[in-house]
Amino acid sequence: MTDIIIKTENLTKNYGGLHALRSANFELKAGEHVAIMGDNGAGKSTFVRQITGVEQRTSGKVWFDGDEVHFNGPLEAREAGMETVFQNLALADDLDVPSNLFLGREKRLINLGPFSILDNKYMRRKTEEGLKRTGVKIQNLSNTIRNMSGGQRQCVAIARSATFASKLIIMDEPTAALGVQETAQVEKIIKTLKNND
């Protein structure tokens, strides 16, 4: 199973008497890019929440990069090399672009707990590199997320995942709330990431 990056077997999630996901079998090989399609309520987001550890599955197995895994939360999935762009984007509205890219992974010059000094130059430089790699164009990196369009927000979330992902990027309905132009922009970024593999 060495070339298989992620595999699920009979992945199932029940919420009480509601069967949100039944026996989902899925396999993705290294270098492949796939889309999981279905109607609203078909279980796409539920599937993502199970494999990333946001929720605990009712039954079934998940393998990631050759090992059977049972992530207790998304942080464990992230540490294993799996980055996810969730529907809610998980961005901080009052922070700028570099602060959002490094949210929870801040680079410190001096680590003194709550009195630490952040390495803002490093984080800005790495943000510029990450945006360039993904083809995301944001004029003012100091702008807060609150002042950005839905498309720009989505691009920041994707750039964050692409900057830190070492093995797999999962996007949960990345264009669901976007207009035509913004959707085209996100699709272009996805193609850029694919070509960079």
Protein backbone atom coordinates (compact mmCIF):
# COMPACT_ATOMS: atom_id res chain seq x y z
CA MET A 1 0.00 0.00 0.00
CA THR A 2 3.07 2.27 -0.30
CA ASP A 3 1.76 4.41 -3.19
CA ILE A 4 -1.66 4.87 -1.55
CA ILE A 5 -1.74 8.16 0.35
CA ILE A 6 -5.17 7.65 1.91
CA LYS A 7 -7.61 4.76 2.04
CA THR A 8 -10.88 4.20 3.88
CA GLU A 9 -12.68 0.92 4.41
CA ASN A 10 -16.36 0.77 5.43
CA LEU A 11 -16.14 4.25 6.96
CA THR A 12 -19.45 4.88 8.76
CA LYS A 13 -20.85 7.73 10.84
CA ASN A 14 -24.18 7.67 12.67
CA TYR A 15 -25.73 10.53 14.60
CA GLY A 16 -28.15 8.63 16.81
CA GLY A 17 -30.57 6.98 14.38
CA LEU A 18 -29.35 9.06 11.41
CA HIS A 19 -26.90 7.33 9.07
CA ALA A 20 -24.83 10.25 7.73
CA LEU A 21 -22.19 8.04 6.11
CA ARG A 22 -22.43 4.32 5.33
CA SER A 23 -19.56 2.02 4.41
CA ALA A 24 -17.52 4.61 2.48
CA ASN A 25 -14.66 2.95 0.65
CA PHE A 26 -12.14 5.32 -0.89
CA GLU A 27 -8.58 5.18 -2.14
CA LEU A 28 -6.24 7.93 -3.31
CA LYS A 29 -2.77 7.28 -4.67
CA ALA A 30 0.15 9.69 -4.40
CA GLY A 31 0.01 12.27 -7.20
CA GLU A 32 -3.70 11.79 -7.87
CA HIS A 33 -6.22 14.63 -7.64
CA VAL A 34 -9.88 13.72 -7.23
CA ALA A 35 -13.22 15.31 -6.45
CA ILE A 36 -15.93 13.66 -4.37
CA MET A 37 -19.28 14.72 -5.77
CA GLY A 38 -22.82 14.39 -4.51
CA ASP A 39 -26.00 16.21 -3.58
CA ASN A 40 -26.35 18.30 -0.45
CA GLY A 41 -26.60 15.94 2.50
CA ALA A 42 -24.85 13.11 0.65
CA GLY A 43 -22.11 12.89 3.31
CA LYS A 44 -19.18 14.66 1.64
CA SER A 45 -18.39 16.94 4.59
CA THR A 46 -19.10 14.13 7.04
CA PHE A 47 -16.52 12.02 5.20
CA VAL A 48 -13.94 14.81 5.51
CA ARG A 49 -14.66 15.26 9.22
CA GLN A 50 -14.12 11.52 9.85
CA ILE A 51 -10.78 11.20 8.08
CA THR A 52 -9.39 14.43 9.57
CA GLY A 53 -10.39 13.62 13.13
CA VAL A 54 -12.82 16.52 13.56
CA GLU A 55 -15.39 13.88 14.52
CA GLN A 56 -14.89 10.30 15.60
CA ARG A 57 -16.21 7.68 13.23
CA THR A 58 -18.81 5.13 14.28
CA SER A 59 -16.93 2.33 12.53
CA GLY A 60 -14.55 1.63 9.68
CA LYS A 61 -10.83 2.03 9.10
CA VAL A 62 -8.58 4.77 7.70
CA TRP A 63 -5.02 4.41 6.40
CA PHE A 64 -2.83 7.43 5.76
CA ASP A 65 0.55 7.19 4.08
CA GLY A 66 0.67 3.43 4.62
CA ASP A 67 -0.32 3.36 8.29
CA GLU A 68 -3.69 2.73 9.88
CA VAL A 69 -4.67 5.92 11.71
CA HIS A 70 -7.32 7.11 14.11
CA PHE A 71 -6.79 10.85 14.54
CA ASN A 72 -8.22 12.25 17.77
CA GLY A 73 -8.47 15.71 16.23
CA PRO A 74 -7.45 17.79 13.22
CA LEU A 75 -4.18 18.80 14.88
CA GLU A 76 -3.03 15.16 14.79
CA ALA A 77 -3.99 14.94 11.11
CA ARG A 78 -2.08 18.15 10.43
CA GLU A 79 1.00 16.89 12.25
CA ALA A 80 0.86 13.73 10.10
CA GLY A 81 0.99 15.88 6.94
CA MET A 82 -2.71 16.25 6.08
CA GLU A 83 -3.94 19.83 5.66
CA THR A 84 -7.63 20.65 5.27
CA VAL A 85 -9.53 23.68 3.99
CA PHE A 86 -12.84 23.42 5.81
CA GLN A 87 -16.07 25.09 4.65
CA ASN A 88 -15.89 27.62 7.47
CA LEU A 89 -12.24 28.39 6.44
CA ALA A 90 -11.11 28.70 10.11
CA LEU A 91 -9.67 32.18 9.60
CA ALA A 92 -9.37 34.95 12.20
CA ASP A 93 -11.18 38.03 10.85
CA ASP A 94 -9.16 40.59 12.80
CA LEU A 95 -5.73 39.26 11.83
CA ASP A 96 -3.72 39.98 8.68
CA VAL A 97 -2.69 37.45 6.03
CA PRO A 98 0.64 36.28 7.55
CA SER A 99 -0.97 35.93 10.99
CA ASN A 100 -3.69 33.74 9.47
CA LEU A 101 -1.24 31.58 7.54
CA PHE A 102 0.71 30.96 10.75
CA LEU A 103 -2.32 30.73 13.05
CA GLY A 104 -1.39 28.13 15.67
CA ARG A 105 2.12 27.77 14.17
CA GLU A 106 3.54 31.18 14.98
CA LYS A 107 7.29 31.56 14.56
CA ARG A 108 8.85 33.12 17.66
CA LEU A 109 12.08 35.09 18.01
CA ILE A 110 11.88 34.73 21.78
CA ASN A 111 9.60 32.19 23.46
CA LEU A 112 8.37 33.51 26.79
CA GLY A 113 4.87 32.05 26.81
CA PRO A 114 2.31 34.87 26.66
CA PHE A 115 5.16 37.42 26.46
CA SER A 116 6.83 35.86 23.41
CA ILE A 117 8.12 37.98 20.56
CA LEU A 118 6.98 36.85 17.13
CA ASP A 119 9.26 36.69 14.10
CA ASN A 120 7.02 38.80 11.86
CA LYS A 121 9.67 39.18 9.12
CA TYR A 122 10.03 35.42 8.79
CA MET A 123 6.26 34.84 8.74
CA ARG A 124 5.76 37.57 6.12
CA ARG A 125 8.54 36.16 3.91
CA LYS A 126 7.14 32.62 4.15
CA THR A 127 3.64 33.95 3.44
CA GLU A 128 4.89 35.67 0.27
CA GLU A 129 6.57 32.40 -0.79
CA GLY A 130 3.41 30.40 -0.07
CA LEU A 131 1.21 32.82 -2.01
CA LYS A 132 3.63 32.79 -4.94
CA ARG A 133 3.70 28.97 -4.96
CA THR A 134 -0.08 28.77 -5.12
CA GLY A 135 -0.51 31.67 -7.54
CA VAL A 136 -2.58 33.66 -5.02
CA LYS A 137 -2.38 37.41 -5.56
CA ILE A 138 -3.18 39.61 -2.57
CA GLN A 139 -2.10 43.24 -2.89
CA ASN A 140 -1.88 44.15 0.79
CA LEU A 141 -0.78 41.40 3.18
CA SER A 142 -1.41 43.73 6.14
CA ASN A 143 -5.12 43.86 5.30
CA THR A 144 -7.28 42.02 7.81
CA ILE A 145 -9.34 39.04 6.65
CA ARG A 146 -12.51 40.94 7.61
CA ASN A 147 -11.81 43.40 4.76
CA MET A 148 -11.43 40.73 2.07
CA SER A 149 -13.91 39.22 -0.36
CA GLY A 150 -15.10 35.63 -0.04
CA GLY A 151 -12.78 34.61 -2.85
CA GLN A 152 -9.77 36.24 -1.23
CA ARG A 153 -10.57 34.54 2.07
CA GLN A 154 -10.82 31.18 0.36
CA CYS A 155 -7.49 31.82 -1.38
CA VAL A 156 -5.82 32.60 1.96
CA ALA A 157 -7.18 29.37 3.46
CA ILE A 158 -5.95 27.35 0.47
CA ALA A 159 -2.55 29.06 0.52
CA ARG A 160 -2.22 28.22 4.24
CA SER A 161 -2.88 24.54 3.56
CA ALA A 162 -0.54 24.48 0.58
CA THR A 163 2.24 26.19 2.55
CA PHE A 164 2.27 23.56 5.30
CA ALA A 165 0.95 20.36 3.68
CA SER A 166 3.62 17.73 3.28
CA LYS A 167 1.47 14.86 1.99
CA LEU A 168 -2.18 15.74 1.32
CA ILE A 169 -4.48 18.75 0.95
CA ILE A 170 -8.22 18.22 1.39
CA MET A 171 -10.68 20.95 0.38
CA ASP A 172 -14.25 20.71 1.62
CA GLU A 173 -16.45 22.40 -1.01
CA PRO A 174 -13.92 25.17 -1.75
CA THR A 175 -16.20 27.06 -4.16
CA ALA A 176 -19.60 26.53 -2.49
CA ALA A 177 -20.23 30.18 -1.52
CA LEU A 178 -18.32 31.87 -4.33
CA GLY A 179 -19.38 33.70 -7.47
CA VAL A 180 -18.27 32.78 -10.99
CA GLN A 181 -15.06 34.86 -11.04
CA GLU A 182 -14.02 33.80 -7.56
CA THR A 183 -14.71 30.15 -8.39
CA ALA A 184 -12.51 30.46 -11.48
CA GLN A 185 -9.75 31.94 -9.31
CA VAL A 186 -9.92 29.03 -6.85
CA GLU A 187 -9.93 26.50 -9.71
CA LYS A 188 -6.84 28.19 -11.14
CA ILE A 189 -5.07 27.86 -7.77
CA ILE A 190 -5.98 24.16 -7.59
CA LYS A 191 -4.52 23.65 -11.09
CA THR A 192 -1.35 25.51 -10.04
CA LEU A 193 -0.98 23.22 -7.03
CA LYS A 194 -1.52 20.18 -9.22
CA ASN A 195 1.15 21.34 -11.67
CA ASN A 196 3.59 21.98 -8.82
CA ASP A 197 3.40 18.35 -7.63
